[in-house]
Amino acid sequence: MKKATAIHLAYAIAATHFVCTAVAMAQHHQFYAAAGPRVIIPERPLPLIPGPGGSWSPSSQPYENLLVSTPQEQASSVLFDYTDGPNGPDHWGELNADWSLCKSGAQQSPLAITPTLMITDSTLGDLKANYTSKPVNATISHDGLNLKVDVPSSAGELKIYNVTYRPASFHFHRPSEHRILNYSFPLELHLVHKSEDDRMAVIAWLFVPGSTNNSFLAQFLDELPSHKKPYANLEISPINLPTLEPNYGRYRGSLTTPPCSETVIWTVMLWNFPSVSDYQLKQLKSAMPRKNARPSFPSRGRKFRINHTPNWTLMKQAFKDNTY
């Protein structure tokens, strides 16, 4: 009798676990599908859905994609991640037929920026990015692994080759995806812009280690919830967009996540790099436990055009002394 009771109890526990798991999965999928079809702005809006071992699937909506995403597309089971394994960057182009450019593309990003790659182009002029000086409304989305901040398109404009791009969002990669003089920065921010005809322009902002908190990052890092539960479009206090220095370099490249479409005009801020404190890096690491930087690609004939020629002697010494 006791043996039968124990068996029944074991079945009851297993059944309860199954039901709870099913309910949780149903709630999970309902959460991600509730919004229905929508246009995705690069890099793609969160929430992301982590797969085994921290890998991501197309259901995670890779940030940088302007295609319409539907719940059916989100149901794909193909995974990608940033490891050295079979789903890592070296194999992205093999995981999905729509991701072939990740392997065969001729204008892939990011780049490892070196003096031989640079060419001074006086026609570029100073950076034509004008953001409002007033705080703007912002929301944060977070899945427990990654975060993205959405801002209104009315917050300003970026002009490139007579095309006007409006700010849409910004997100982070750690460590940096772009490198300068083979130096990898601890953090890279991508400020994503979009034109009326869906052209894409991204400003890459590289951060160096510092002793004090960065005032721009502090605006939203200090408002991150302490819990690890997924959330989307969490309203935070209005923020000021960053003040950008006039020096930059520019090249044509790709999305740094699948499908790796070669549709991006990249602007990489140079020389006067902002700093980020150890405390803020820990905050970001807590929100983004796994590294998410794609390795660099060869230029394949592309040039990195800069608007001001740097003092390479000072630059090299600064990197050597770890001043940055």
C-alpha atoms as a PDB file:
ATOM      1  CA  MET A   1       0.000   0.000   0.000  1.00  0.00           C
ATOM      2  CA  LYS A   2       2.808   2.384   0.938  1.00  0.00           C
ATOM      3  CA  LYS A   3       4.593   1.553  -2.340  1.00  0.00           C
ATOM      4  CA  ALA A   4       1.460   2.329  -4.371  1.00  0.00           C
ATOM      5  CA  THR A   5       0.980   5.614  -2.506  1.00  0.00           C
ATOM      6  CA  ALA A   6       4.578   6.602  -3.247  1.00  0.00           C
ATOM      7  CA  ILE A   7       4.116   5.825  -6.933  1.00  0.00           C
ATOM      8  CA  HIS A   8       0.902   7.857  -7.078  1.00  0.00           C
ATOM      9  CA  LEU A   9       2.651  10.742  -5.319  1.00  0.00           C
ATOM     10  CA  ALA A  10       5.517  10.637  -7.831  1.00  0.00           C
ATOM     11  CA  TYR A  11       3.043  10.723 -10.732  1.00  0.00           C
ATOM     12  CA  ALA A  12       1.214  13.640  -9.123  1.00  0.00           C
ATOM     13  CA  ILE A  13       4.432  15.629  -8.719  1.00  0.00           C
ATOM     14  CA  ALA A  14       5.459  14.938 -12.322  1.00  0.00           C
ATOM     15  CA  ALA A  15       2.022  15.940 -13.606  1.00  0.00           C
ATOM     16  CA  THR A  16       2.084  19.158 -11.595  1.00  0.00           C
ATOM     17  CA  HIS A  17       5.533  20.003 -12.976  1.00  0.00           C
ATOM     18  CA  PHE A  18       4.323  19.332 -16.538  1.00  0.00           C
ATOM     19  CA  VAL A  19       1.256  21.550 -16.131  1.00  0.00           C
ATOM     20  CA  CYS A  20       3.271  24.386 -14.585  1.00  0.00           C
ATOM     21  CA  THR A  21       5.825  24.167 -17.384  1.00  0.00           C
ATOM     22  CA  ALA A  22       3.094  24.181 -20.034  1.00  0.00           C
ATOM     23  CA  VAL A  23       1.416  27.203 -18.456  1.00  0.00           C
ATOM     24  CA  ALA A  24       4.721  29.054 -18.258  1.00  0.00           C
ATOM     25  CA  MET A  25       5.495  28.301 -21.900  1.00  0.00           C
ATOM     26  CA  ALA A  26       2.038  29.438 -22.971  1.00  0.00           C
ATOM     27  CA  GLN A  27       2.428  32.689 -21.072  1.00  0.00           C
ATOM     28  CA  HIS A  28       5.920  33.106 -22.551  1.00  0.00           C
ATOM     29  CA  HIS A  29       4.751  32.766 -26.155  1.00  0.00           C
ATOM     30  CA  GLN A  30       1.665  34.887 -25.509  1.00  0.00           C
ATOM     31  CA  PHE A  31       3.936  37.632 -24.179  1.00  0.00           C
ATOM     32  CA  TYR A  32       6.028  37.703 -27.354  1.00  0.00           C
ATOM     33  CA  ALA A  33       3.206  37.287 -29.854  1.00  0.00           C
ATOM     34  CA  ALA A  34       0.728  39.709 -28.291  1.00  0.00           C
ATOM     35  CA  ALA A  35       1.820  42.626 -30.426  1.00  0.00           C
ATOM     36  CA  GLY A  36       1.223  40.747 -33.701  1.00  0.00           C
ATOM     37  CA  PRO A  37       3.037  41.705 -36.921  1.00  0.00           C
ATOM     38  CA  ARG A  38       5.263  44.723 -36.597  1.00  0.00           C
ATOM     39  CA  VAL A  39       8.107  46.500 -38.337  1.00  0.00           C
ATOM     40  CA  ILE A  40      11.442  45.837 -36.666  1.00  0.00           C
ATOM     41  CA  ILE A  41      13.956  48.670 -36.334  1.00  0.00           C
ATOM     42  CA  PRO A  42      17.669  47.845 -36.140  1.00  0.00           C
ATOM     43  CA  GLU A  43      18.999  46.421 -34.144  1.00  0.00           C
ATOM     44  CA  ARG A  44      15.813  44.535 -33.431  1.00  0.00           C
ATOM     45  CA  PRO A  45      13.552  45.403 -30.533  1.00  0.00           C
ATOM     46  CA  LEU A  46      13.577  43.252 -27.451  1.00  0.00           C
ATOM     47  CA  PRO A  47      12.416  41.088 -25.809  1.00  0.00           C
ATOM     48  CA  LEU A  48      14.794  38.430 -27.025  1.00  0.00           C
ATOM     49  CA  ILE A  49      14.262  34.742 -26.337  1.00  0.00           C
ATOM     50  CA  PRO A  50      17.451  33.049 -25.114  1.00  0.00           C
ATOM     51  CA  GLY A  51      18.083  29.513 -26.288  1.00  0.00           C
ATOM     52  CA  PRO A  52      20.206  26.774 -24.720  1.00  0.00           C
ATOM     53  CA  GLY A  53      23.534  27.976 -23.389  1.00  0.00           C
ATOM     54  CA  GLY A  54      22.603  31.599 -23.964  1.00  0.00           C
ATOM     55  CA  SER A  55      22.247  31.196 -27.724  1.00  0.00           C
ATOM     56  CA  TRP A  56      19.610  33.188 -29.589  1.00  0.00           C
ATOM     57  CA  SER A  57      17.139  32.152 -32.238  1.00  0.00           C
ATOM     58  CA  PRO A  58      15.450  34.125 -35.010  1.00  0.00           C
ATOM     59  CA  SER A  59      12.545  34.241 -32.568  1.00  0.00           C
ATOM     60  CA  SER A  60      14.812  36.525 -30.582  1.00  0.00           C
ATOM     61  CA  GLN A  61      14.374  39.077 -33.344  1.00  0.00           C
ATOM     62  CA  PRO A  62      18.004  39.957 -34.169  1.00  0.00           C
ATOM     63  CA  TYR A  63      18.147  43.675 -33.628  1.00  0.00           C
ATOM     64  CA  GLU A  64      19.353  44.885 -36.963  1.00  0.00           C
ATOM     65  CA  ASN A  65      16.574  44.052 -39.389  1.00  0.00           C
ATOM     66  CA  LEU A  66      13.991  46.207 -41.125  1.00  0.00           C
ATOM     67  CA  LEU A  67      11.811  43.363 -42.364  1.00  0.00           C
ATOM     68  CA  VAL A  68       8.337  42.744 -41.037  1.00  0.00           C
ATOM     69  CA  SER A  69       8.386  40.151 -38.288  1.00  0.00           C
ATOM     70  CA  THR A  70       5.455  37.838 -37.700  1.00  0.00           C
ATOM     71  CA  PRO A  71       4.721  35.248 -35.000  1.00  0.00           C
ATOM     72  CA  GLN A  72       5.263  32.562 -37.657  1.00  0.00           C
ATOM     73  CA  GLU A  73       8.789  33.801 -38.293  1.00  0.00           C
ATOM     74  CA  GLN A  74       9.408  33.895 -34.568  1.00  0.00           C
ATOM     75  CA  ALA A  75       8.654  30.169 -34.345  1.00  0.00           C
ATOM     76  CA  SER A  76      11.876  29.187 -36.148  1.00  0.00           C
ATOM     77  CA  SER A  77      14.103  26.873 -34.126  1.00  0.00           C
ATOM     78  CA  VAL A  78      17.447  27.774 -35.754  1.00  0.00           C
ATOM     79  CA  LEU A  79      19.815  29.212 -33.173  1.00  0.00           C
ATOM     80  CA  PHE A  80      22.797  31.539 -33.357  1.00  0.00           C
ATOM     81  CA  ASP A  81      25.203  32.653 -30.699  1.00  0.00           C
ATOM     82  CA  TYR A  82      28.630  34.232 -30.176  1.00  0.00           C
ATOM     83  CA  THR A  83      30.546  31.110 -29.180  1.00  0.00           C
ATOM     84  CA  ASP A  84      33.181  29.171 -31.124  1.00  0.00           C
ATOM     85  CA  GLY A  85      30.681  26.351 -31.567  1.00  0.00           C
ATOM     86  CA  PRO A  86      28.525  25.306 -34.545  1.00  0.00           C
ATOM     87  CA  ASN A  87      26.073  28.196 -34.007  1.00  0.00           C
ATOM     88  CA  GLY A  88      28.771  30.847 -33.608  1.00  0.00           C
ATOM     89  CA  PRO A  89      29.642  33.725 -35.979  1.00  0.00           C
ATOM     90  CA  ASP A  90      31.799  31.515 -38.229  1.00  0.00           C
ATOM     91  CA  HIS A  91      28.719  29.428 -39.021  1.00  0.00           C
ATOM     92  CA  TRP A  92      25.861  31.967 -39.080  1.00  0.00           C
ATOM     93  CA  GLY A  93      25.716  31.824 -42.874  1.00  0.00           C
ATOM     94  CA  GLU A  94      25.129  28.070 -42.734  1.00  0.00           C
ATOM     95  CA  LEU A  95      22.269  28.136 -40.225  1.00  0.00           C
ATOM     96  CA  ASN A  96      19.620  29.740 -42.415  1.00  0.00           C
ATOM     97  CA  ALA A  97      19.334  30.279 -46.164  1.00  0.00           C
ATOM     98  CA  ASP A  98      18.400  33.915 -45.528  1.00  0.00           C
ATOM     99  CA  TRP A  99      21.647  34.462 -43.636  1.00  0.00           C
ATOM    100  CA  SER A 100      24.042  33.559 -46.466  1.00  0.00           C
ATOM    101  CA  LEU A 101      25.575  37.057 -46.500  1.00  0.00           C
ATOM    102  CA  CYS A 102      26.981  36.369 -43.033  1.00  0.00           C
ATOM    103  CA  LYS A 103      29.429  34.038 -44.814  1.00  0.00           C
ATOM    104  CA  SER A 104      29.606  35.254 -48.412  1.00  0.00           C
ATOM    105  CA  GLY A 105      29.068  39.011 -48.078  1.00  0.00           C
ATOM    106  CA  ALA A 106      31.729  41.395 -49.403  1.00  0.00           C
ATOM    107  CA  GLN A 107      30.854  44.373 -47.169  1.00  0.00           C
ATOM    108  CA  GLN A 108      30.480  42.839 -43.736  1.00  0.00           C
ATOM    109  CA  SER A 109      30.824  44.596 -40.392  1.00  0.00           C
ATOM    110  CA  PRO A 110      32.501  45.268 -38.053  1.00  0.00           C
ATOM    111  CA  LEU A 111      35.944  46.393 -39.225  1.00  0.00           C
ATOM    112  CA  ALA A 112      39.315  46.414 -37.507  1.00  0.00           C
ATOM    113  CA  ILE A 113      40.344  50.021 -38.177  1.00  0.00           C
ATOM    114  CA  THR A 114      44.031  50.613 -38.937  1.00  0.00           C
ATOM    115  CA  PRO A 115      46.009  53.536 -40.436  1.00  0.00           C
ATOM    116  CA  THR A 116      46.336  51.684 -43.758  1.00  0.00           C
ATOM    117  CA  LEU A 117      42.558  51.457 -43.983  1.00  0.00           C
ATOM    118  CA  MET A 118      42.013  55.164 -43.377  1.00  0.00           C
ATOM    119  CA  ILE A 119      41.834  57.911 -45.939  1.00  0.00           C
ATOM    120  CA  THR A 120      41.225  61.571 -45.128  1.00  0.00           C
ATOM    121  CA  ASP A 121      38.159  62.933 -46.913  1.00  0.00           C
ATOM    122  CA  SER A 122      37.741  66.676 -46.441  1.00  0.00           C
ATOM    123  CA  THR A 123      34.330  66.574 -48.127  1.00  0.00           C
ATOM    124  CA  LEU A 124      32.857  64.807 -45.093  1.00  0.00           C
ATOM    125  CA  GLY A 125      32.994  67.908 -42.903  1.00  0.00           C
ATOM    126  CA  ASP A 126      31.947  67.835 -39.264  1.00  0.00           C
ATOM    127  CA  LEU A 127      29.363  65.343 -38.090  1.00  0.00           C
ATOM    128  CA  LYS A 128      25.888  66.562 -39.014  1.00  0.00           C
ATOM    129  CA  ALA A 129      24.022  65.159 -36.023  1.00  0.00           C
ATOM    130  CA  ASN A 130      21.603  67.520 -34.338  1.00  0.00           C
ATOM    131  CA  TYR A 131      19.747  66.260 -31.297  1.00  0.00           C
ATOM    132  CA  THR A 132      17.380  68.245 -29.156  1.00  0.00           C
ATOM    133  CA  SER A 133      18.914  69.757 -26.036  1.00  0.00           C
ATOM    134  CA  LYS A 134      15.754  68.908 -24.109  1.00  0.00           C
ATOM    135  CA  PRO A 135      15.200  65.546 -22.386  1.00  0.00           C
ATOM    136  CA  VAL A 136      13.150  63.096 -24.461  1.00  0.00           C
ATOM    137  CA  ASN A 137      10.868  60.268 -23.410  1.00  0.00           C
ATOM    138  CA  ALA A 138      12.469  56.839 -23.524  1.00  0.00           C
ATOM    139  CA  THR A 139      11.601  53.219 -22.844  1.00  0.00           C
ATOM    140  CA  ILE A 140      13.792  50.232 -22.030  1.00  0.00           C
ATOM    141  CA  SER A 141      13.173  46.649 -23.098  1.00  0.00           C
ATOM    142  CA  HIS A 142      15.022  43.790 -21.461  1.00  0.00           C
ATOM    143  CA  ASP A 143      14.883  40.012 -21.504  1.00  0.00           C
ATOM    144  CA  GLY A 144      17.376  39.377 -18.734  1.00  0.00           C
ATOM    145  CA  LEU A 145      20.259  39.133 -21.199  1.00  0.00           C
ATOM    146  CA  ASN A 146      20.142  42.239 -23.364  1.00  0.00           C
ATOM    147  CA  LEU A 147      18.669  45.707 -23.248  1.00  0.00           C
ATOM    148  CA  LYS A 148      17.662  48.355 -25.757  1.00  0.00           C
ATOM    149  CA  VAL A 149      16.520  51.932 -25.293  1.00  0.00           C
ATOM    150  CA  ASP A 150      13.913  53.362 -27.688  1.00  0.00           C
ATOM    151  CA  VAL A 151      13.719  57.104 -28.314  1.00  0.00           C
ATOM    152  CA  PRO A 152      11.253  59.157 -30.403  1.00  0.00           C
ATOM    153  CA  SER A 153      12.180  60.048 -33.974  1.00  0.00           C
ATOM    154  CA  SER A 154      11.463  63.685 -33.125  1.00  0.00           C
ATOM    155  CA  ALA A 155      14.564  63.717 -30.905  1.00  0.00           C
ATOM    156  CA  GLY A 156      16.779  64.970 -33.713  1.00  0.00           C
ATOM    157  CA  GLU A 157      18.335  64.108 -37.041  1.00  0.00           C
ATOM    158  CA  LEU A 158      21.487  62.835 -38.704  1.00  0.00           C
ATOM    159  CA  LYS A 159      22.282  63.968 -42.249  1.00  0.00           C
ATOM    160  CA  ILE A 160      24.455  61.839 -44.525  1.00  0.00           C
ATOM    161  CA  TYR A 161      24.834  62.551 -48.244  1.00  0.00           C
ATOM    162  CA  ASN A 162      21.731  64.792 -48.188  1.00  0.00           C
ATOM    163  CA  VAL A 163      19.603  62.035 -46.664  1.00  0.00           C
ATOM    164  CA  THR A 164      17.955  62.723 -43.294  1.00  0.00           C
ATOM    165  CA  TYR A 165      17.932  59.931 -40.717  1.00  0.00           C
ATOM    166  CA  ARG A 166      15.949  60.045 -37.484  1.00  0.00           C
ATOM    167  CA  PRO A 167      17.052  58.407 -34.218  1.00  0.00           C
ATOM    168  CA  ALA A 168      15.164  55.238 -33.306  1.00  0.00           C
ATOM    169  CA  SER A 169      17.016  53.408 -30.547  1.00  0.00           C
ATOM    170  CA  PHE A 170      20.368  52.483 -29.102  1.00  0.00           C
ATOM    171  CA  HIS A 171      21.812  49.263 -27.757  1.00  0.00           C
ATOM    172  CA  PHE A 172      25.135  47.858 -26.588  1.00  0.00           C
ATOM    173  CA  HIS A 173      27.844  45.373 -27.471  1.00  0.00           C
ATOM    174  CA  ARG A 174      30.481  44.247 -25.039  1.00  0.00           C
ATOM    175  CA  PRO A 175      33.293  44.184 -25.745  1.00  0.00           C
ATOM    176  CA  SER A 176      33.339  46.498 -28.741  1.00  0.00           C
ATOM    177  CA  GLU A 177      32.759  45.124 -32.225  1.00  0.00           C
ATOM    178  CA  HIS A 178      34.870  47.749 -33.995  1.00  0.00           C
ATOM    179  CA  ARG A 179      38.546  47.886 -33.060  1.00  0.00           C
ATOM    180  CA  ILE A 180      41.099  50.668 -33.538  1.00  0.00           C
ATOM    181  CA  LEU A 181      44.825  49.862 -33.800  1.00  0.00           C
ATOM    182  CA  ASN A 182      43.829  46.350 -32.761  1.00  0.00           C
ATOM    183  CA  TYR A 183      42.476  47.775 -29.502  1.00  0.00           C
ATOM    184  CA  SER A 184      39.199  46.291 -28.305  1.00  0.00           C
ATOM    185  CA  PHE A 185      37.146  48.673 -26.191  1.00  0.00           C
ATOM    186  CA  PRO A 186      35.139  47.402 -23.204  1.00  0.00           C
ATOM    187  CA  LEU A 187      31.870  48.776 -24.580  1.00  0.00           C
ATOM    188  CA  GLU A 188      30.321  49.942 -27.840  1.00  0.00           C
ATOM    189  CA  LEU A 189      27.009  51.765 -28.194  1.00  0.00           C
ATOM    190  CA  HIS A 190      25.085  51.672 -31.467  1.00  0.00           C
ATOM    191  CA  LEU A 191      22.834  54.675 -31.993  1.00  0.00           C
ATOM    192  CA  VAL A 192      20.446  53.533 -34.719  1.00  0.00           C
ATOM    193  CA  HIS A 193      18.863  55.937 -37.213  1.00  0.00           C
ATOM    194  CA  LYS A 194      16.345  55.346 -39.957  1.00  0.00           C
ATOM    195  CA  SER A 195      15.251  57.409 -42.970  1.00  0.00           C
ATOM    196  CA  GLU A 196      11.718  57.732 -44.296  1.00  0.00           C
ATOM    197  CA  ASP A 197      12.506  55.240 -47.075  1.00  0.00           C
ATOM    198  CA  ASP A 198      13.943  52.703 -44.608  1.00  0.00           C
ATOM    199  CA  ARG A 199      17.611  53.436 -45.163  1.00  0.00           C
ATOM    200  CA  MET A 200      19.758  52.703 -42.156  1.00  0.00           C
ATOM    201  CA  ALA A 201      22.587  54.630 -40.490  1.00  0.00           C
ATOM    202  CA  VAL A 202      24.286  53.643 -37.251  1.00  0.00           C
ATOM    203  CA  ILE A 203      26.646  55.701 -35.099  1.00  0.00           C
ATOM    204  CA  ALA A 204      29.143  53.571 -33.180  1.00  0.00           C
ATOM    205  CA  TRP A 205      30.301  55.121 -29.906  1.00  0.00           C
ATOM    206  CA  LEU A 206      33.337  53.445 -28.339  1.00  0.00           C
ATOM    207  CA  PHE A 207      33.890  53.676 -24.582  1.00  0.00           C
ATOM    208  CA  VAL A 208      37.198  53.532 -22.714  1.00  0.00           C
ATOM    209  CA  PRO A 209      37.712  52.609 -19.041  1.00  0.00           C
ATOM    210  CA  GLY A 210      37.302  55.537 -16.656  1.00  0.00           C
ATOM    211  CA  SER A 211      37.279  56.325 -12.957  1.00  0.00           C
ATOM    212  CA  THR A 212      33.985  58.224 -12.846  1.00  0.00           C
ATOM    213  CA  ASN A 213      30.470  57.343 -13.951  1.00  0.00           C
ATOM    214  CA  ASN A 214      29.436  58.402 -17.436  1.00  0.00           C
ATOM    215  CA  SER A 215      26.582  60.889 -17.052  1.00  0.00           C
ATOM    216  CA  PHE A 216      24.843  59.775 -20.254  1.00  0.00           C
ATOM    217  CA  LEU A 217      24.821  56.100 -19.265  1.00  0.00           C
ATOM    218  CA  ALA A 218      23.800  56.924 -15.696  1.00  0.00           C
ATOM    219  CA  GLN A 219      20.483  58.328 -16.940  1.00  0.00           C
ATOM    220  CA  PHE A 220      19.080  54.863 -17.587  1.00  0.00           C
ATOM    221  CA  LEU A 221      21.476  52.361 -16.005  1.00  0.00           C
ATOM    222  CA  ASP A 222      20.463  53.632 -12.578  1.00  0.00           C
ATOM    223  CA  GLU A 223      16.809  52.993 -13.449  1.00  0.00           C
ATOM    224  CA  LEU A 224      17.197  49.353 -14.460  1.00  0.00           C
ATOM    225  CA  PRO A 225      14.974  47.100 -12.336  1.00  0.00           C
ATOM    226  CA  SER A 226      16.833  44.859  -9.924  1.00  0.00           C
ATOM    227  CA  HIS A 227      14.758  41.806 -10.885  1.00  0.00           C
ATOM    228  CA  LYS A 228      15.712  39.536 -13.797  1.00  0.00           C
ATOM    229  CA  LYS A 229      12.223  39.047 -15.215  1.00  0.00           C
ATOM    230  CA  PRO A 230      11.688  40.026 -18.878  1.00  0.00           C
ATOM    231  CA  TYR A 231      10.038  43.354 -19.538  1.00  0.00           C
ATOM    232  CA  ALA A 232       9.300  45.479 -22.573  1.00  0.00           C
ATOM    233  CA  ASN A 233       8.810  49.198 -23.112  1.00  0.00           C
ATOM    234  CA  LEU A 234       9.436  50.133 -19.499  1.00  0.00           C
ATOM    235  CA  GLU A 235       9.085  53.894 -19.204  1.00  0.00           C
ATOM    236  CA  ILE A 236      12.011  55.685 -17.588  1.00  0.00           C
ATOM    237  CA  SER A 237      12.719  59.298 -16.769  1.00  0.00           C
ATOM    238  CA  PRO A 238      13.309  61.470 -19.856  1.00  0.00           C
ATOM    239  CA  ILE A 239      16.921  61.347 -21.036  1.00  0.00           C
ATOM    240  CA  ASN A 240      19.253  63.647 -22.927  1.00  0.00           C
ATOM    241  CA  LEU A 241      20.803  62.212 -26.066  1.00  0.00           C
ATOM    242  CA  PRO A 242      24.607  62.253 -26.161  1.00  0.00           C
ATOM    243  CA  THR A 243      26.695  65.172 -27.299  1.00  0.00           C
ATOM    244  CA  LEU A 244      28.936  63.841 -30.054  1.00  0.00           C
ATOM    245  CA  GLU A 245      32.381  65.136 -30.966  1.00  0.00           C
ATOM    246  CA  PRO A 246      32.976  66.323 -34.559  1.00  0.00           C
ATOM    247  CA  ASN A 247      35.645  63.728 -35.427  1.00  0.00           C
ATOM    248  CA  TYR A 248      34.529  60.502 -37.049  1.00  0.00           C
ATOM    249  CA  GLY A 249      35.123  57.934 -39.764  1.00  0.00           C
ATOM    250  CA  ARG A 250      32.608  56.419 -42.154  1.00  0.00           C
ATOM    251  CA  TYR A 251      32.203  53.318 -44.287  1.00  0.00           C
ATOM    252  CA  ARG A 252      29.519  51.145 -45.863  1.00  0.00           C
ATOM    253  CA  GLY A 253      28.901  47.848 -44.149  1.00  0.00           C
ATOM    254  CA  SER A 254      26.379  45.408 -42.805  1.00  0.00           C
ATOM    255  CA  LEU A 255      24.248  44.460 -39.874  1.00  0.00           C
ATOM    256  CA  THR A 256      26.414  42.757 -37.254  1.00  0.00           C
ATOM    257  CA  THR A 257      23.770  40.098 -36.546  1.00  0.00           C
ATOM    258  CA  PRO A 258      21.947  37.724 -38.922  1.00  0.00           C
ATOM    259  CA  PRO A 259      20.836  38.182 -41.649  1.00  0.00           C
ATOM    260  CA  CYS A 260      23.961  40.411 -42.012  1.00  0.00           C
ATOM    261  CA  SER A 261      22.312  42.557 -44.715  1.00  0.00           C
ATOM    262  CA  GLU A 262      24.776  44.971 -46.323  1.00  0.00           C
ATOM    263  CA  THR A 263      22.540  48.005 -45.950  1.00  0.00           C
ATOM    264  CA  VAL A 264      24.195  50.126 -43.261  1.00  0.00           C
ATOM    265  CA  ILE A 265      26.133  53.389 -43.419  1.00  0.00           C
ATOM    266  CA  TRP A 266      28.441  53.251 -40.406  1.00  0.00           C
ATOM    267  CA  THR A 267      29.750  56.319 -38.595  1.00  0.00           C
ATOM    268  CA  VAL A 268      32.396  55.513 -35.978  1.00  0.00           C
ATOM    269  CA  MET A 269      33.199  58.281 -33.504  1.00  0.00           C
ATOM    270  CA  LEU A 270      36.947  58.844 -33.146  1.00  0.00           C
ATOM    271  CA  TRP A 271      39.685  60.221 -30.944  1.00  0.00           C
ATOM    272  CA  ASN A 272      37.835  61.807 -27.994  1.00  0.00           C
ATOM    273  CA  PHE A 273      36.386  58.594 -26.608  1.00  0.00           C
ATOM    274  CA  PRO A 274      33.862  58.763 -23.742  1.00  0.00           C
ATOM    275  CA  SER A 275      34.660  56.804 -20.588  1.00  0.00           C
ATOM    276  CA  VAL A 276      32.662  54.248 -18.625  1.00  0.00           C
ATOM    277  CA  SER A 277      33.325  53.387 -14.993  1.00  0.00           C
ATOM    278  CA  ASP A 278      33.928  49.926 -13.559  1.00  0.00           C
ATOM    279  CA  TYR A 279      30.645  50.251 -11.682  1.00  0.00           C
ATOM    280  CA  GLN A 280      28.702  50.943 -14.887  1.00  0.00           C
ATOM    281  CA  LEU A 281      30.415  48.085 -16.699  1.00  0.00           C
ATOM    282  CA  LYS A 282      29.288  45.824 -13.867  1.00  0.00           C
ATOM    283  CA  GLN A 283      25.743  47.150 -14.268  1.00  0.00           C
ATOM    284  CA  LEU A 284      25.811  46.311 -17.972  1.00  0.00           C
ATOM    285  CA  LYS A 285      27.411  42.939 -17.353  1.00  0.00           C
ATOM    286  CA  SER A 286      24.639  42.137 -14.899  1.00  0.00           C
ATOM    287  CA  ALA A 287      22.055  43.025 -17.561  1.00  0.00           C
ATOM    288  CA  MET A 288      24.041  41.393 -20.399  1.00  0.00           C
ATOM    289  CA  PRO A 289      25.888  38.430 -18.836  1.00  0.00           C
ATOM    290  CA  ARG A 290      27.133  37.021 -22.136  1.00  0.00           C
ATOM    291  CA  LYS A 291      29.443  38.784 -24.550  1.00  0.00           C
ATOM    292  CA  ASN A 292      27.803  39.766 -27.825  1.00  0.00           C
ATOM    293  CA  ALA A 293      30.533  41.086 -30.116  1.00  0.00           C
ATOM    294  CA  ARG A 294      30.900  39.785 -33.650  1.00  0.00           C
ATOM    295  CA  PRO A 295      34.528  39.357 -34.829  1.00  0.00           C
ATOM    296  CA  SER A 296      35.872  41.862 -37.353  1.00  0.00           C
ATOM    297  CA  PHE A 297      35.949  41.334 -41.133  1.00  0.00           C
ATOM    298  CA  PRO A 298      38.438  42.257 -43.870  1.00  0.00           C
ATOM    299  CA  SER A 299      37.768  45.524 -45.676  1.00  0.00           C
ATOM    300  CA  ARG A 300      37.842  43.905 -49.147  1.00  0.00           C
ATOM    301  CA  GLY A 301      38.760  47.133 -50.867  1.00  0.00           C
ATOM    302  CA  ARG A 302      36.683  49.401 -48.679  1.00  0.00           C
ATOM    303  CA  LYS A 303      38.250  52.497 -47.156  1.00  0.00           C
ATOM    304  CA  PHE A 304      37.469  54.010 -43.791  1.00  0.00           C
ATOM    305  CA  ARG A 305      37.049  57.690 -44.624  1.00  0.00           C
ATOM    306  CA  ILE A 306      37.882  60.138 -41.838  1.00  0.00           C
ATOM    307  CA  ASN A 307      37.100  63.836 -41.685  1.00  0.00           C
ATOM    308  CA  HIS A 308      40.225  64.800 -39.684  1.00  0.00           C
ATOM    309  CA  THR A 309      43.716  63.325 -39.797  1.00  0.00           C
ATOM    310  CA  PRO A 310      44.770  62.167 -36.332  1.00  0.00           C
ATOM    311  CA  ASN A 311      48.129  62.483 -34.632  1.00  0.00           C
ATOM    312  CA  TRP A 312      49.081  58.829 -34.851  1.00  0.00           C
ATOM    313  CA  THR A 313      52.111  59.206 -32.616  1.00  0.00           C
ATOM    314  CA  LEU A 314      49.959  60.452 -29.748  1.00  0.00           C
ATOM    315  CA  MET A 315      47.246  57.912 -30.501  1.00  0.00           C
ATOM    316  CA  LYS A 316      49.604  54.940 -30.449  1.00  0.00           C
ATOM    317  CA  GLN A 317      51.239  56.147 -27.253  1.00  0.00           C
ATOM    318  CA  ALA A 318      47.845  56.609 -25.606  1.00  0.00           C
ATOM    319  CA  PHE A 319      46.829  53.042 -26.425  1.00  0.00           C
ATOM    320  CA  LYS A 320      50.224  51.718 -25.359  1.00  0.00           C
ATOM    321  CA  ASP A 321      50.017  53.497 -22.001  1.00  0.00           C
ATOM    322  CA  ASN A 322      46.379  52.431 -21.642  1.00  0.00           C
ATOM    323  CA  THR A 323      45.433  56.087 -21.302  1.00  0.00           C
ATOM    324  CA  TYR A 324      42.228  55.126 -23.063  1.00  0.00           C
END
